[in-house]
Amino acid sequence: MTAENIHEKLIAGLRNFFAQSGKTSAVVGLSGGIDSSVVAALAVDALGKENVRGLMMPSQYSTLHSVADALLLTENLGITHHLIPVENIYHAFIKELTPVFGSKKKTDITEENLQARIRATLLMAISNKYDCLVLNTSNKSELAMGYGTLYGDLIGALMVIGDLYKTQVYETAWYINRNKPIIPLNIIQKEPSAELHPGQKDSDSLPPYAQLDPILHALIEEQLSPDETIQKGFDADTVARIANQKAQVAFKGHQLPQMIKISDRPLASREKWTF
């Protein structure tokens, strides 16, 4: 499927979803990363810039260039934007939780997930106050590997790019920029990061997407077993690692929002999307 085909399907899916839901406007959490930028640009194409809000929620771990990139994106798109730092909210949560954590004070995934869930709460508050729907920004590569927080960055009324592998997200970004720069070049070129702890990169938890996506495609789209995937020439240890992690986090698929279907095998427990 070409980037043009993907773009057309996503725009049509967004328009159909909003028509069926009786809503006209959306809010997107903008991190300064490629996924949220693509979703925001698609929302503008589908709904019009006057119907899209961007919410930037930097933490103490967010880099200045991420905030600057997200701000430049909102300017390029011409959308209303809000900035709500989450650092003080996060520390208020930690203060109240400290007596409960007791000896378990070592920072771990608990604190990372807490940041994602604070952001989800803020997005839902904007959604309620302005009668708009939250658009989820997770991609298929992340979903397959469980790289997302339940009740955090996995929330939303609709998963826009949840059936696109990360490499397809990049292709879509370049297509969006085909006529003029909409998604800032720095967003497309920088190394992906959730920015949930100092210096964090996606590659800390996942194989590089250029390596991950072909293996996931074999396991998901081609429905090959790990052994069959290895026989295609992929590294055995990498395939085993991906297949094992994919199996361990499959339970998250039961709680995913509705999704725009691009492939024949979207990730979920049931066929619940027709957009």
Protein backbone atom coordinates (compact mmCIF):
# COMPACT_ATOMS: atom_id res chain seq x y z
CA MET A 1 0.00 0.00 0.00
CA THR A 2 1.43 3.37 -1.00
CA ALA A 3 1.69 6.36 1.32
CA GLU A 4 -1.00 8.04 -0.78
CA ASN A 5 -3.35 5.07 -0.30
CA ILE A 6 -2.70 5.05 3.44
CA HIS A 7 -3.32 8.79 3.68
CA GLU A 8 -6.62 8.51 1.80
CA LYS A 9 -7.83 5.63 3.98
CA LEU A 10 -6.94 7.43 7.21
CA ILE A 11 -8.67 10.64 6.13
CA ALA A 12 -11.78 8.72 5.08
CA GLY A 13 -11.73 6.75 8.32
CA LEU A 14 -11.52 9.90 10.42
CA ARG A 15 -14.37 11.57 8.57
CA ASN A 16 -16.58 8.48 8.80
CA PHE A 17 -15.87 8.06 12.51
CA PHE A 18 -16.74 11.65 13.36
CA ALA A 19 -19.84 11.56 11.17
CA GLN A 20 -21.05 8.40 12.93
CA SER A 21 -20.22 9.77 16.38
CA GLY A 22 -21.99 13.07 15.82
CA LYS A 23 -18.88 15.02 16.82
CA THR A 24 -16.99 17.63 14.85
CA SER A 25 -13.79 18.38 16.75
CA ALA A 26 -10.76 16.59 18.19
CA VAL A 27 -7.88 17.07 20.63
CA VAL A 28 -4.42 15.54 20.18
CA GLY A 29 -1.66 15.30 22.76
CA LEU A 30 1.44 16.73 21.08
CA SER A 31 4.79 15.43 22.31
CA GLY A 32 6.97 16.78 19.53
CA GLY A 33 7.28 13.21 18.20
CA ILE A 34 6.45 11.73 14.81
CA ASP A 35 3.29 9.83 15.82
CA SER A 36 1.37 12.70 17.41
CA SER A 37 2.49 15.03 14.62
CA VAL A 38 1.14 12.73 11.92
CA VAL A 39 -2.15 12.27 13.78
CA ALA A 40 -2.58 16.03 14.21
CA ALA A 41 -1.87 16.67 10.52
CA LEU A 42 -4.32 13.96 9.47
CA ALA A 43 -6.97 15.41 11.78
CA VAL A 44 -6.56 18.84 10.19
CA ASP A 45 -6.87 17.34 6.70
CA ALA A 46 -9.99 15.43 7.72
CA LEU A 47 -11.79 17.88 10.01
CA GLY A 48 -10.34 21.31 9.26
CA LYS A 49 -7.86 23.25 11.37
CA GLU A 50 -10.62 25.07 13.23
CA ASN A 51 -11.78 21.72 14.64
CA VAL A 52 -8.46 20.45 16.01
CA ARG A 53 -6.75 21.33 19.30
CA GLY A 54 -3.22 20.43 20.28
CA LEU A 55 -2.29 19.88 23.93
CA MET A 56 1.39 20.00 24.88
CA MET A 57 2.16 18.44 28.28
CA PRO A 58 5.93 18.58 28.87
CA SER A 59 7.47 16.99 31.95
CA GLN A 60 10.78 17.53 33.66
CA TYR A 61 12.20 14.99 31.19
CA SER A 62 10.95 16.72 28.03
CA THR A 63 13.64 18.38 25.94
CA LEU A 64 13.36 21.98 24.85
CA HIS A 65 13.53 20.95 21.20
CA SER A 66 10.51 18.65 21.65
CA VAL A 67 8.40 21.53 22.95
CA ALA A 68 9.73 23.81 20.21
CA ASP A 69 9.02 21.17 17.55
CA ALA A 70 5.45 20.70 18.80
CA LEU A 71 4.89 24.46 18.85
CA LEU A 72 6.20 24.82 15.28
CA LEU A 73 3.86 22.03 14.20
CA THR A 74 0.83 23.86 15.64
CA GLU A 75 1.92 27.00 13.78
CA ASN A 76 2.29 25.10 10.51
CA LEU A 77 -1.12 23.50 10.97
CA GLY A 78 -2.78 26.71 12.20
CA ILE A 79 -4.49 24.94 15.12
CA THR A 80 -5.40 26.13 18.60
CA HIS A 81 -2.92 24.86 21.15
CA HIS A 82 -2.56 24.71 24.93
CA LEU A 83 0.48 24.06 27.12
CA ILE A 84 0.10 22.40 30.52
CA PRO A 85 3.35 21.26 32.18
CA VAL A 86 2.84 18.06 34.16
CA GLU A 87 5.85 18.27 36.49
CA ASN A 88 4.03 19.84 39.45
CA ILE A 89 1.07 17.48 39.06
CA TYR A 90 3.45 14.52 38.92
CA HIS A 91 5.26 15.57 42.09
CA ALA A 92 1.93 16.04 43.87
CA PHE A 93 1.03 12.44 43.03
CA ILE A 94 4.44 11.18 44.16
CA LYS A 95 4.13 13.09 47.44
CA GLU A 96 0.82 11.39 48.23
CA LEU A 97 2.04 7.97 47.10
CA THR A 98 5.34 8.03 49.01
CA PRO A 99 3.87 6.81 52.35
CA VAL A 100 2.18 3.96 50.49
CA PHE A 101 5.27 2.97 48.50
CA GLY A 102 7.29 2.73 51.72
CA SER A 103 10.51 0.85 50.99
CA LYS A 104 9.62 0.59 47.28
CA LYS A 105 10.98 4.05 46.56
CA LYS A 106 13.22 3.11 43.65
CA THR A 107 12.08 4.81 40.46
CA ASP A 108 10.80 2.30 37.91
CA ILE A 109 8.02 1.86 35.37
CA THR A 110 5.52 3.00 38.02
CA GLU A 111 6.67 6.59 37.71
CA GLU A 112 6.79 6.39 33.91
CA ASN A 113 3.23 5.11 33.72
CA LEU A 114 2.09 7.77 36.17
CA GLN A 115 3.21 10.50 33.77
CA ALA A 116 1.27 8.90 30.91
CA ARG A 117 -1.85 8.62 33.04
CA ILE A 118 -1.64 12.25 34.15
CA ARG A 119 -1.51 13.27 30.50
CA ALA A 120 -4.53 11.08 29.76
CA THR A 121 -6.49 12.82 32.52
CA LEU A 122 -5.64 16.25 31.09
CA LEU A 123 -6.63 15.18 27.58
CA MET A 124 -9.96 13.85 28.83
CA ALA A 125 -10.59 17.10 30.73
CA ILE A 126 -10.11 19.09 27.50
CA SER A 127 -12.30 16.56 25.69
CA ASN A 128 -15.14 17.01 28.17
CA LYS A 129 -14.87 20.79 28.45
CA TYR A 130 -14.76 21.47 24.72
CA ASP A 131 -16.95 18.56 23.58
CA CYS A 132 -14.19 17.09 21.40
CA LEU A 133 -12.81 13.59 21.02
CA VAL A 134 -9.32 12.47 22.01
CA LEU A 135 -7.37 10.98 19.11
CA ASN A 136 -4.94 8.27 20.11
CA THR A 137 -1.42 8.45 18.66
CA SER A 138 -0.05 4.91 19.19
CA ASN A 139 1.24 2.93 16.20
CA LYS A 140 1.08 -0.79 15.40
CA SER A 141 4.75 -1.49 16.18
CA GLU A 142 4.36 -0.10 19.70
CA LEU A 143 1.02 -1.81 20.26
CA ALA A 144 2.35 -5.20 19.20
CA MET A 145 5.22 -4.90 21.67
CA GLY A 146 3.13 -3.51 24.52
CA TYR A 147 4.97 -0.19 24.37
CA GLY A 148 2.07 1.82 25.77
CA THR A 149 0.38 2.53 29.11
CA LEU A 150 -3.13 1.27 29.79
CA TYR A 151 -5.32 4.20 30.91
CA GLY A 152 -2.47 6.45 29.79
CA ASP A 153 -1.26 6.92 26.23
CA LEU A 154 -3.53 4.08 25.07
CA ILE A 155 -6.69 6.09 25.78
CA GLY A 156 -8.76 7.86 23.15
CA ALA A 157 -11.97 7.69 21.19
CA LEU A 158 -10.15 6.49 18.08
CA MET A 159 -6.76 5.02 17.24
CA VAL A 160 -5.82 6.83 14.05
CA ILE A 161 -2.49 5.12 13.22
CA GLY A 162 -2.91 1.99 15.33
CA ASP A 163 -2.85 -0.19 12.20
CA LEU A 164 0.32 1.45 10.81
CA TYR A 165 3.79 0.17 11.56
CA LYS A 166 6.27 2.81 12.65
CA THR A 167 8.03 2.72 9.29
CA GLN A 168 4.67 3.42 7.62
CA VAL A 169 4.16 6.37 9.95
CA TYR A 170 7.39 7.89 8.64
CA GLU A 171 6.28 7.27 5.05
CA THR A 172 2.99 8.99 5.83
CA ALA A 173 4.83 11.96 7.34
CA TRP A 174 6.88 12.43 4.19
CA TYR A 175 3.69 12.24 2.12
CA ILE A 176 2.02 14.89 4.29
CA ASN A 177 5.05 17.11 3.57
CA ARG A 178 4.93 16.42 -0.17
CA ASN A 179 3.96 19.99 -1.14
CA LYS A 180 5.26 22.07 1.75
CA PRO A 181 6.83 21.53 5.20
CA ILE A 182 4.02 20.81 7.63
CA ILE A 183 5.66 18.35 10.00
CA PRO A 184 8.98 19.93 11.04
CA LEU A 185 11.97 18.11 9.59
CA ASN A 186 13.51 17.70 13.03
CA ILE A 187 10.48 15.69 14.16
CA ILE A 188 10.92 13.27 11.27
CA GLN A 189 14.68 12.90 11.63
CA LYS A 190 15.24 12.71 15.40
CA GLU A 191 15.46 9.43 17.30
CA PRO A 192 12.07 8.39 18.76
CA SER A 193 11.66 8.78 22.52
CA ALA A 194 8.80 8.70 25.03
CA GLU A 195 10.83 11.08 27.26
CA LEU A 196 9.65 9.44 30.48
CA HIS A 197 13.09 9.38 32.08
CA PRO A 198 16.39 11.17 31.36
CA GLY A 199 17.88 10.25 27.99
CA GLN A 200 15.20 7.67 27.20
CA LYS A 201 15.01 6.31 23.64
CA ASP A 202 12.57 3.82 22.11
CA SER A 203 15.59 1.70 21.20
CA ASP A 204 16.23 1.15 24.94
CA SER A 205 13.17 -1.12 25.02
CA LEU A 206 12.63 -2.11 21.40
CA PRO A 207 14.79 -3.24 18.48
CA PRO A 208 15.29 -0.53 15.83
CA TYR A 209 12.03 -0.12 13.90
CA ALA A 210 13.71 -0.98 10.59
CA GLN A 211 14.53 -4.34 12.17
CA LEU A 212 11.37 -4.75 14.24
CA ASP A 213 8.73 -4.00 11.61
CA PRO A 214 9.64 -6.70 9.04
CA ILE A 215 9.61 -9.34 11.80
CA LEU A 216 6.27 -8.11 13.14
CA HIS A 217 4.91 -8.12 9.59
CA ALA A 218 5.92 -11.76 9.20
CA LEU A 219 4.36 -12.72 12.55
CA ILE A 220 1.16 -10.68 12.17
CA GLU A 221 0.34 -10.11 8.50
CA GLU A 222 1.86 -13.33 7.16
CA GLN A 223 0.79 -15.32 10.25
CA LEU A 224 4.12 -17.14 10.36
CA SER A 225 5.39 -18.95 13.42
CA PRO A 226 8.64 -17.77 15.02
CA ASP A 227 10.45 -20.73 13.43
CA GLU A 228 9.03 -19.90 10.00
CA THR A 229 10.03 -16.27 10.49
CA ILE A 230 13.59 -17.30 11.33
CA GLN A 231 13.66 -19.39 8.15
CA LYS A 232 13.06 -16.18 6.18
CA GLY A 233 16.53 -15.08 7.27
CA PHE A 234 15.84 -13.08 10.43
CA ASP A 235 18.08 -13.38 13.49
CA ALA A 236 16.82 -16.17 15.74
CA ASP A 237 17.42 -14.38 19.06
CA THR A 238 15.71 -11.21 17.83
CA VAL A 239 12.68 -13.13 16.54
CA ALA A 240 12.38 -15.02 19.82
CA ARG A 241 12.61 -11.83 21.83
CA ILE A 242 9.93 -10.10 19.72
CA ALA A 243 7.59 -13.10 19.65
CA ASN A 244 7.87 -13.62 23.42
CA GLN A 245 7.26 -9.97 24.24
CA LYS A 246 4.35 -9.80 21.79
CA ALA A 247 2.71 -12.80 23.50
CA GLN A 248 3.23 -11.41 27.00
CA VAL A 249 1.51 -8.09 26.26
CA ALA A 250 -1.33 -9.41 24.09
CA PHE A 251 -3.80 -8.81 26.95
CA LYS A 252 -3.59 -5.08 26.25
CA GLY A 253 -5.31 -5.68 22.92
CA HIS A 254 -8.55 -6.41 24.75
CA GLN A 255 -8.69 -2.80 25.97
CA LEU A 256 -7.71 -0.84 22.88
CA PRO A 257 -10.01 1.92 21.56
CA GLN A 258 -11.63 1.69 18.16
CA MET A 259 -9.17 1.84 15.28
CA ILE A 260 -9.01 2.85 11.63
CA LYS A 261 -8.43 -0.38 9.74
CA ILE A 262 -5.68 -0.32 7.13
CA SER A 263 -4.55 -3.95 6.99
CA ASP A 264 -6.35 -7.28 7.06
CA ARG A 265 -4.96 -7.99 10.52
CA PRO A 266 -5.34 -5.05 12.92
CA LEU A 267 -4.31 -5.73 16.51
CA ALA A 268 -7.26 -6.39 18.81
CA SER A 269 -9.36 -9.00 20.47
CA ARG A 270 -12.40 -8.47 18.28
CA GLU A 271 -13.53 -6.87 15.04
CA LYS A 272 -14.91 -3.60 16.35
CA TRP A 273 -13.77 -1.06 13.79
CA THR A 274 -15.28 -0.38 10.39
CA PHE A 275 -14.09 3.19 9.83
